[in-house]
Amino acid sequence: MGGFLFSPMVVFFNEQFGLQGTFILLAGIMMHIAVFGMLMRPLELQEQILYHQHLRKIRASSEYAEKCNEKAAAVTHKTLQKKALDFTLLWNPKYLLYIVMVLFTNLSMPQFLLYLPAYGHSVGLTNYQNSIISSYLSATDCIFRISCGFLVHKLNVKETFVFPVGLVVGGLSCFLVTFCSAMWQLMLVTTLYSIGLATFWALINTLLVNDFGPKSVATSWGFFRMTQGITNFIYPSLLGLMQDLTQSLMVPFFIMGTGLILGSAVFTLRPFIAKISKGCKE
């Protein structure tokens, strides 16, 4: 909903209040979100609160209280022994394959969202038309994420098949952007891109859990997102440099499309990497 509403809202704020007023209003909105964020608390803390509430109810019996204290001590001891991160994944060839994949796919995500309005402006679209396209992309992304998970579950289709296909569709849409010159054409292309974007985000968590287990999700997802954060810091500057050198907005879209297709190709190597790593262990 945020992505759907923010684009036209920012255009409206800019027209009515100027750039400075827009930033002030957006800062106020974000402060409201920060207040709600501070009200959230970890699940472990909530479980501890419920446990102590339950403990107070049964303290009438010293026998029950003693047993509960013993169980609480055992749980605390296990929690202290549990490792926060499993660094052995960094030497797992299968996990490194995911890291290499995200190095390619992040050439497009979220750079596509940044360059699409610039391309729309270059072909004569107004700020309002660009905001409609951005809102449309957010809406279709939301719909396709829900649909992707539902269809994969209902049709019993393998995630390992749907995932690379979605990336290829997203990559082809990046190439097709360079042939668009009208608003309706860009909306069709963004529909294809949202399929790839939704497939990626709807299935990546499931794939990581299936390959490395739920107990390692903090590490597998954490390092995956850390890699994305690093590339999100570097890639916009590289794409901007390529645009400046070539004086063309088409080049960044070709690079984004190539990155998604190469990421899909890397992902399809999973069975071979698994066989190689298994052979090395034996």
Protein backbone atom coordinates (compact mmCIF):
# COMPACT_ATOMS: atom_id res chain seq x y z
CA MET A 1 0.00 0.00 0.00
CA GLY A 2 2.85 2.39 0.76
CA GLY A 3 4.38 2.02 -2.68
CA PHE A 4 0.94 2.41 -4.27
CA LEU A 5 0.09 5.65 -2.42
CA PHE A 6 3.46 7.36 -2.00
CA SER A 7 4.22 8.18 -5.66
CA PRO A 8 1.09 10.29 -6.41
CA MET A 9 1.19 11.68 -2.87
CA VAL A 10 4.76 12.97 -3.30
CA VAL A 11 3.85 14.56 -6.65
CA PHE A 12 0.85 16.26 -5.01
CA PHE A 13 2.92 17.50 -2.05
CA ASN A 14 5.60 18.87 -4.39
CA GLU A 15 3.04 20.77 -6.46
CA GLN A 16 1.26 22.22 -3.43
CA PHE A 17 4.08 22.81 -0.91
CA GLY A 18 7.33 22.71 -2.88
CA LEU A 19 10.35 20.48 -2.28
CA GLN A 20 11.08 21.70 1.26
CA GLY A 21 7.46 21.31 2.35
CA THR A 22 7.35 17.82 0.81
CA PHE A 23 10.35 16.68 2.87
CA ILE A 24 8.83 18.14 6.04
CA LEU A 25 5.54 16.32 5.46
CA LEU A 26 7.31 13.04 4.62
CA ALA A 27 9.44 13.40 7.76
CA GLY A 28 6.25 13.75 9.81
CA ILE A 29 4.80 10.60 8.24
CA MET A 30 8.00 8.68 8.95
CA MET A 31 7.99 9.86 12.57
CA HIS A 32 4.54 8.32 13.01
CA ILE A 33 5.93 5.04 11.66
CA ALA A 34 8.86 5.29 14.11
CA VAL A 35 6.44 5.63 17.03
CA PHE A 36 4.59 2.47 16.01
CA GLY A 37 7.94 0.72 15.47
CA MET A 38 9.03 1.51 19.04
CA LEU A 39 5.84 -0.10 20.36
CA MET A 40 6.86 -3.43 18.84
CA ARG A 41 8.75 -5.93 20.97
CA PRO A 42 10.56 -9.21 20.23
CA LEU A 43 8.62 -12.47 20.39
CA GLU A 44 11.06 -13.83 23.01
CA LEU A 45 10.22 -10.93 25.34
CA GLN A 46 6.50 -11.58 24.94
CA GLU A 47 7.04 -15.27 25.70
CA GLN A 48 8.98 -14.37 28.86
CA ILE A 49 6.20 -12.05 30.01
CA LEU A 50 3.59 -14.76 29.49
CA TYR A 51 5.80 -17.27 31.28
CA HIS A 52 6.21 -15.05 34.35
CA GLN A 53 2.47 -14.35 34.41
CA HIS A 54 1.83 -18.08 34.40
CA LEU A 55 4.49 -18.58 37.08
CA ARG A 56 2.84 -16.10 39.42
CA LYS A 57 -0.46 -17.95 39.15
CA ILE A 58 0.98 -21.25 40.36
CA ARG A 59 3.31 -19.95 43.08
CA ALA A 60 0.80 -21.09 45.71
CA SER A 61 2.39 -24.50 45.44
CA SER A 62 6.11 -24.48 46.23
CA GLU A 63 6.53 -27.79 44.45
CA TYR A 64 5.22 -26.42 41.16
CA ALA A 65 7.25 -23.25 41.59
CA GLU A 66 10.44 -25.23 42.08
CA LYS A 67 9.81 -27.29 38.94
CA CYS A 68 9.12 -24.18 36.90
CA ASN A 69 12.33 -22.55 38.12
CA GLU A 70 14.32 -25.62 37.10
CA LYS A 71 12.76 -25.57 33.63
CA ALA A 72 13.41 -21.84 33.29
CA ALA A 73 17.06 -22.33 34.26
CA ALA A 74 17.44 -25.12 31.69
CA VAL A 75 15.87 -22.99 28.95
CA THR A 76 18.08 -20.02 29.85
CA HIS A 77 21.18 -22.22 29.76
CA LYS A 78 20.27 -23.57 26.32
CA THR A 79 19.57 -20.04 25.05
CA LEU A 80 23.00 -18.86 26.20
CA GLN A 81 24.68 -21.78 24.46
CA LYS A 82 22.83 -21.22 21.19
CA LYS A 83 24.93 -19.48 18.53
CA ALA A 84 23.48 -16.30 17.09
CA LEU A 85 25.08 -16.88 13.66
CA ASP A 86 26.20 -20.02 11.87
CA PHE A 87 29.36 -18.97 10.02
CA THR A 88 29.81 -22.43 8.51
CA LEU A 89 27.33 -21.39 5.82
CA LEU A 90 29.97 -19.06 4.40
CA TRP A 91 31.99 -22.15 3.41
CA ASN A 92 28.97 -23.93 1.96
CA PRO A 93 29.21 -23.88 -1.88
CA LYS A 94 25.43 -24.03 -2.17
CA TYR A 95 25.04 -20.92 -0.03
CA LEU A 96 27.81 -19.10 -1.88
CA LEU A 97 25.78 -19.77 -5.03
CA TYR A 98 22.96 -17.70 -3.53
CA ILE A 99 25.42 -14.90 -2.75
CA VAL A 100 26.73 -14.90 -6.33
CA MET A 101 23.15 -14.92 -7.60
CA VAL A 102 22.19 -11.85 -5.58
CA LEU A 103 25.28 -10.02 -6.84
CA PHE A 104 23.74 -10.29 -10.31
CA THR A 105 20.05 -9.83 -9.49
CA ASN A 106 20.68 -6.73 -7.41
CA LEU A 107 21.86 -4.93 -10.52
CA SER A 108 18.13 -4.50 -11.13
CA MET A 109 16.59 -4.38 -7.66
CA PRO A 110 15.78 -1.64 -6.76
CA GLN A 111 17.64 0.26 -9.50
CA PHE A 112 14.79 -0.42 -11.95
CA LEU A 113 12.45 1.62 -9.76
CA LEU A 114 14.92 4.52 -9.76
CA TYR A 115 15.60 4.61 -13.49
CA LEU A 116 12.05 4.01 -14.73
CA PRO A 117 10.79 7.56 -13.91
CA ALA A 118 13.94 9.02 -15.50
CA TYR A 119 13.31 7.01 -18.66
CA GLY A 120 9.64 8.02 -18.65
CA HIS A 121 10.65 11.67 -18.40
CA SER A 122 13.07 11.21 -21.33
CA VAL A 123 10.23 9.98 -23.60
CA GLY A 124 7.94 12.86 -22.66
CA LEU A 125 5.89 11.59 -19.71
CA THR A 126 4.81 14.04 -17.03
CA ASN A 127 5.57 13.67 -13.31
CA TYR A 128 1.97 12.62 -12.71
CA GLN A 129 2.15 9.91 -15.40
CA ASN A 130 5.40 8.62 -13.91
CA SER A 131 3.77 8.48 -10.47
CA ILE A 132 0.91 6.41 -11.91
CA ILE A 133 3.39 3.92 -13.41
CA SER A 134 5.26 3.65 -10.09
CA SER A 135 2.00 3.08 -8.21
CA TYR A 136 0.91 0.52 -10.78
CA LEU A 137 4.20 -1.36 -10.36
CA SER A 138 3.75 -1.46 -6.57
CA ALA A 139 0.16 -2.70 -6.88
CA THR A 140 0.99 -5.45 -9.38
CA ASP A 141 4.01 -6.47 -7.30
CA CYS A 142 1.75 -6.94 -4.26
CA ILE A 143 -0.82 -8.92 -6.28
CA PHE A 144 1.78 -11.16 -7.92
CA ARG A 145 3.54 -11.89 -4.60
CA ILE A 146 0.32 -13.21 -3.11
CA SER A 147 -0.61 -15.03 -6.32
CA CYS A 148 2.84 -16.61 -6.66
CA GLY A 149 2.80 -18.16 -3.20
CA PHE A 150 -0.80 -19.30 -3.59
CA LEU A 151 -0.28 -20.91 -7.01
CA VAL A 152 2.97 -22.63 -6.03
CA HIS A 153 1.22 -24.12 -2.99
CA LYS A 154 -2.00 -25.05 -4.81
CA LEU A 155 -0.48 -26.44 -8.00
CA ASN A 156 2.43 -28.14 -6.20
CA VAL A 157 4.92 -26.52 -8.57
CA LYS A 158 8.54 -26.62 -7.47
CA GLU A 159 9.90 -23.29 -6.26
CA THR A 160 13.22 -24.15 -7.87
CA PHE A 161 11.49 -24.09 -11.27
CA VAL A 162 9.32 -20.98 -10.81
CA PHE A 163 12.12 -18.86 -9.33
CA PRO A 164 14.55 -18.79 -12.32
CA VAL A 165 11.67 -18.44 -14.79
CA GLY A 166 10.47 -15.35 -12.92
CA LEU A 167 13.97 -13.85 -13.03
CA VAL A 168 14.19 -14.40 -16.79
CA VAL A 169 10.81 -12.70 -17.29
CA GLY A 170 12.02 -9.76 -15.21
CA GLY A 171 15.26 -9.58 -17.20
CA LEU A 172 13.43 -9.55 -20.54
CA SER A 173 11.19 -6.74 -19.29
CA CYS A 174 14.28 -4.61 -18.63
CA PHE A 175 15.32 -5.07 -22.27
CA LEU A 176 11.80 -4.22 -23.47
CA VAL A 177 11.81 -0.89 -21.61
CA THR A 178 14.21 0.50 -24.21
CA PHE A 179 11.59 -0.03 -26.95
CA CYS A 180 8.83 1.85 -25.10
CA SER A 181 7.77 5.37 -25.97
CA ALA A 182 4.27 5.62 -24.47
CA MET A 183 2.73 5.30 -21.02
CA TRP A 184 0.66 2.19 -21.81
CA GLN A 185 3.76 0.43 -23.19
CA LEU A 186 5.70 1.12 -19.99
CA MET A 187 2.78 -0.17 -17.92
CA LEU A 188 2.79 -3.45 -19.87
CA VAL A 189 6.54 -3.80 -19.37
CA THR A 190 6.30 -3.02 -15.65
CA THR A 191 3.69 -5.78 -15.38
CA LEU A 192 6.29 -8.25 -16.65
CA TYR A 193 8.95 -6.83 -14.35
CA SER A 194 6.65 -7.09 -11.34
CA ILE A 195 6.30 -10.82 -12.10
CA GLY A 196 10.06 -11.24 -11.73
CA LEU A 197 10.22 -8.97 -8.68
CA ALA A 198 7.32 -10.72 -6.95
CA THR A 199 8.70 -14.19 -7.73
CA PHE A 200 12.03 -13.26 -6.18
CA TRP A 201 10.65 -11.89 -2.91
CA ALA A 202 7.84 -14.44 -2.56
CA LEU A 203 10.10 -17.49 -2.88
CA ILE A 204 13.60 -16.54 -1.70
CA ASN A 205 12.83 -17.12 2.00
CA THR A 206 11.26 -20.50 1.27
CA LEU A 207 14.25 -21.55 -0.83
CA LEU A 208 16.74 -20.55 1.88
CA VAL A 209 14.79 -22.44 4.56
CA ASN A 210 14.43 -25.53 2.35
CA ASP A 211 18.15 -25.60 1.55
CA PHE A 212 19.67 -24.64 4.90
CA GLY A 213 16.96 -25.33 7.47
CA PRO A 214 14.84 -23.08 9.71
CA LYS A 215 17.48 -23.02 12.46
CA SER A 216 19.97 -21.29 10.16
CA VAL A 217 17.51 -18.73 8.81
CA ALA A 218 19.06 -15.90 10.86
CA THR A 219 22.41 -16.53 9.16
CA SER A 220 21.22 -17.47 5.68
CA TRP A 221 18.81 -14.55 5.42
CA GLY A 222 21.08 -12.15 7.32
CA PHE A 223 24.15 -12.53 5.09
CA PHE A 224 21.92 -12.56 2.01
CA ARG A 225 20.41 -9.21 2.98
CA MET A 226 23.80 -7.85 3.99
CA THR A 227 25.09 -8.61 0.48
CA GLN A 228 22.07 -6.84 -0.97
CA GLY A 229 22.77 -3.82 1.22
CA ILE A 230 26.39 -3.60 0.06
CA THR A 231 25.41 -3.85 -3.61
CA ASN A 232 22.64 -1.27 -3.14
CA PHE A 233 25.37 1.10 -1.98
CA ILE A 234 27.66 0.41 -4.96
CA TYR A 235 25.46 -0.39 -7.97
CA PRO A 236 23.55 2.92 -8.31
CA SER A 237 26.84 4.78 -8.72
CA LEU A 238 28.11 2.25 -11.27
CA LEU A 239 24.91 2.43 -13.32
CA GLY A 240 24.99 6.22 -13.12
CA LEU A 241 28.59 6.19 -14.33
CA MET A 242 27.64 4.01 -17.30
CA GLN A 243 24.81 6.38 -18.12
CA ASP A 244 27.15 9.38 -17.99
CA LEU A 245 29.76 7.67 -20.17
CA THR A 246 27.26 6.56 -22.82
CA GLN A 247 24.80 9.48 -22.48
CA SER A 248 21.98 6.95 -22.78
CA LEU A 249 19.36 5.62 -20.36
CA MET A 250 19.13 2.42 -22.37
CA VAL A 251 22.50 1.09 -21.17
CA PRO A 252 21.49 0.82 -17.47
CA PHE A 253 18.37 -1.16 -18.46
CA PHE A 254 20.45 -3.53 -20.59
CA ILE A 255 22.78 -4.06 -17.61
CA MET A 256 19.82 -4.69 -15.28
CA GLY A 257 18.26 -7.22 -17.65
CA THR A 258 21.57 -9.00 -18.12
CA GLY A 259 22.02 -9.18 -14.34
CA LEU A 260 18.63 -10.82 -13.79
CA ILE A 261 19.18 -13.39 -16.54
CA LEU A 262 22.69 -14.20 -15.27
CA GLY A 263 21.26 -14.54 -11.74
CA SER A 264 18.71 -17.02 -13.09
CA ALA A 265 21.49 -18.96 -14.84
CA VAL A 266 23.55 -19.09 -11.64
CA PHE A 267 20.54 -20.37 -9.67
CA THR A 268 20.00 -23.23 -12.12
CA LEU A 269 23.48 -24.52 -11.19
CA ARG A 270 22.21 -25.56 -7.73
CA PRO A 271 21.92 -29.32 -8.52
CA PHE A 272 25.45 -29.43 -9.98
CA ILE A 273 26.96 -27.54 -7.04
CA ALA A 274 25.14 -29.87 -4.62
CA LYS A 275 26.57 -32.93 -6.40
CA ILE A 276 30.09 -31.48 -6.43
CA SER A 277 30.02 -30.56 -2.73
CA LYS A 278 28.56 -33.97 -1.86
CA GLY A 279 31.30 -35.70 -3.85
CA CYS A 280 33.99 -33.68 -2.07
CA LYS A 281 32.61 -34.69 1.34
CA GLU A 282 32.60 -38.37 0.38
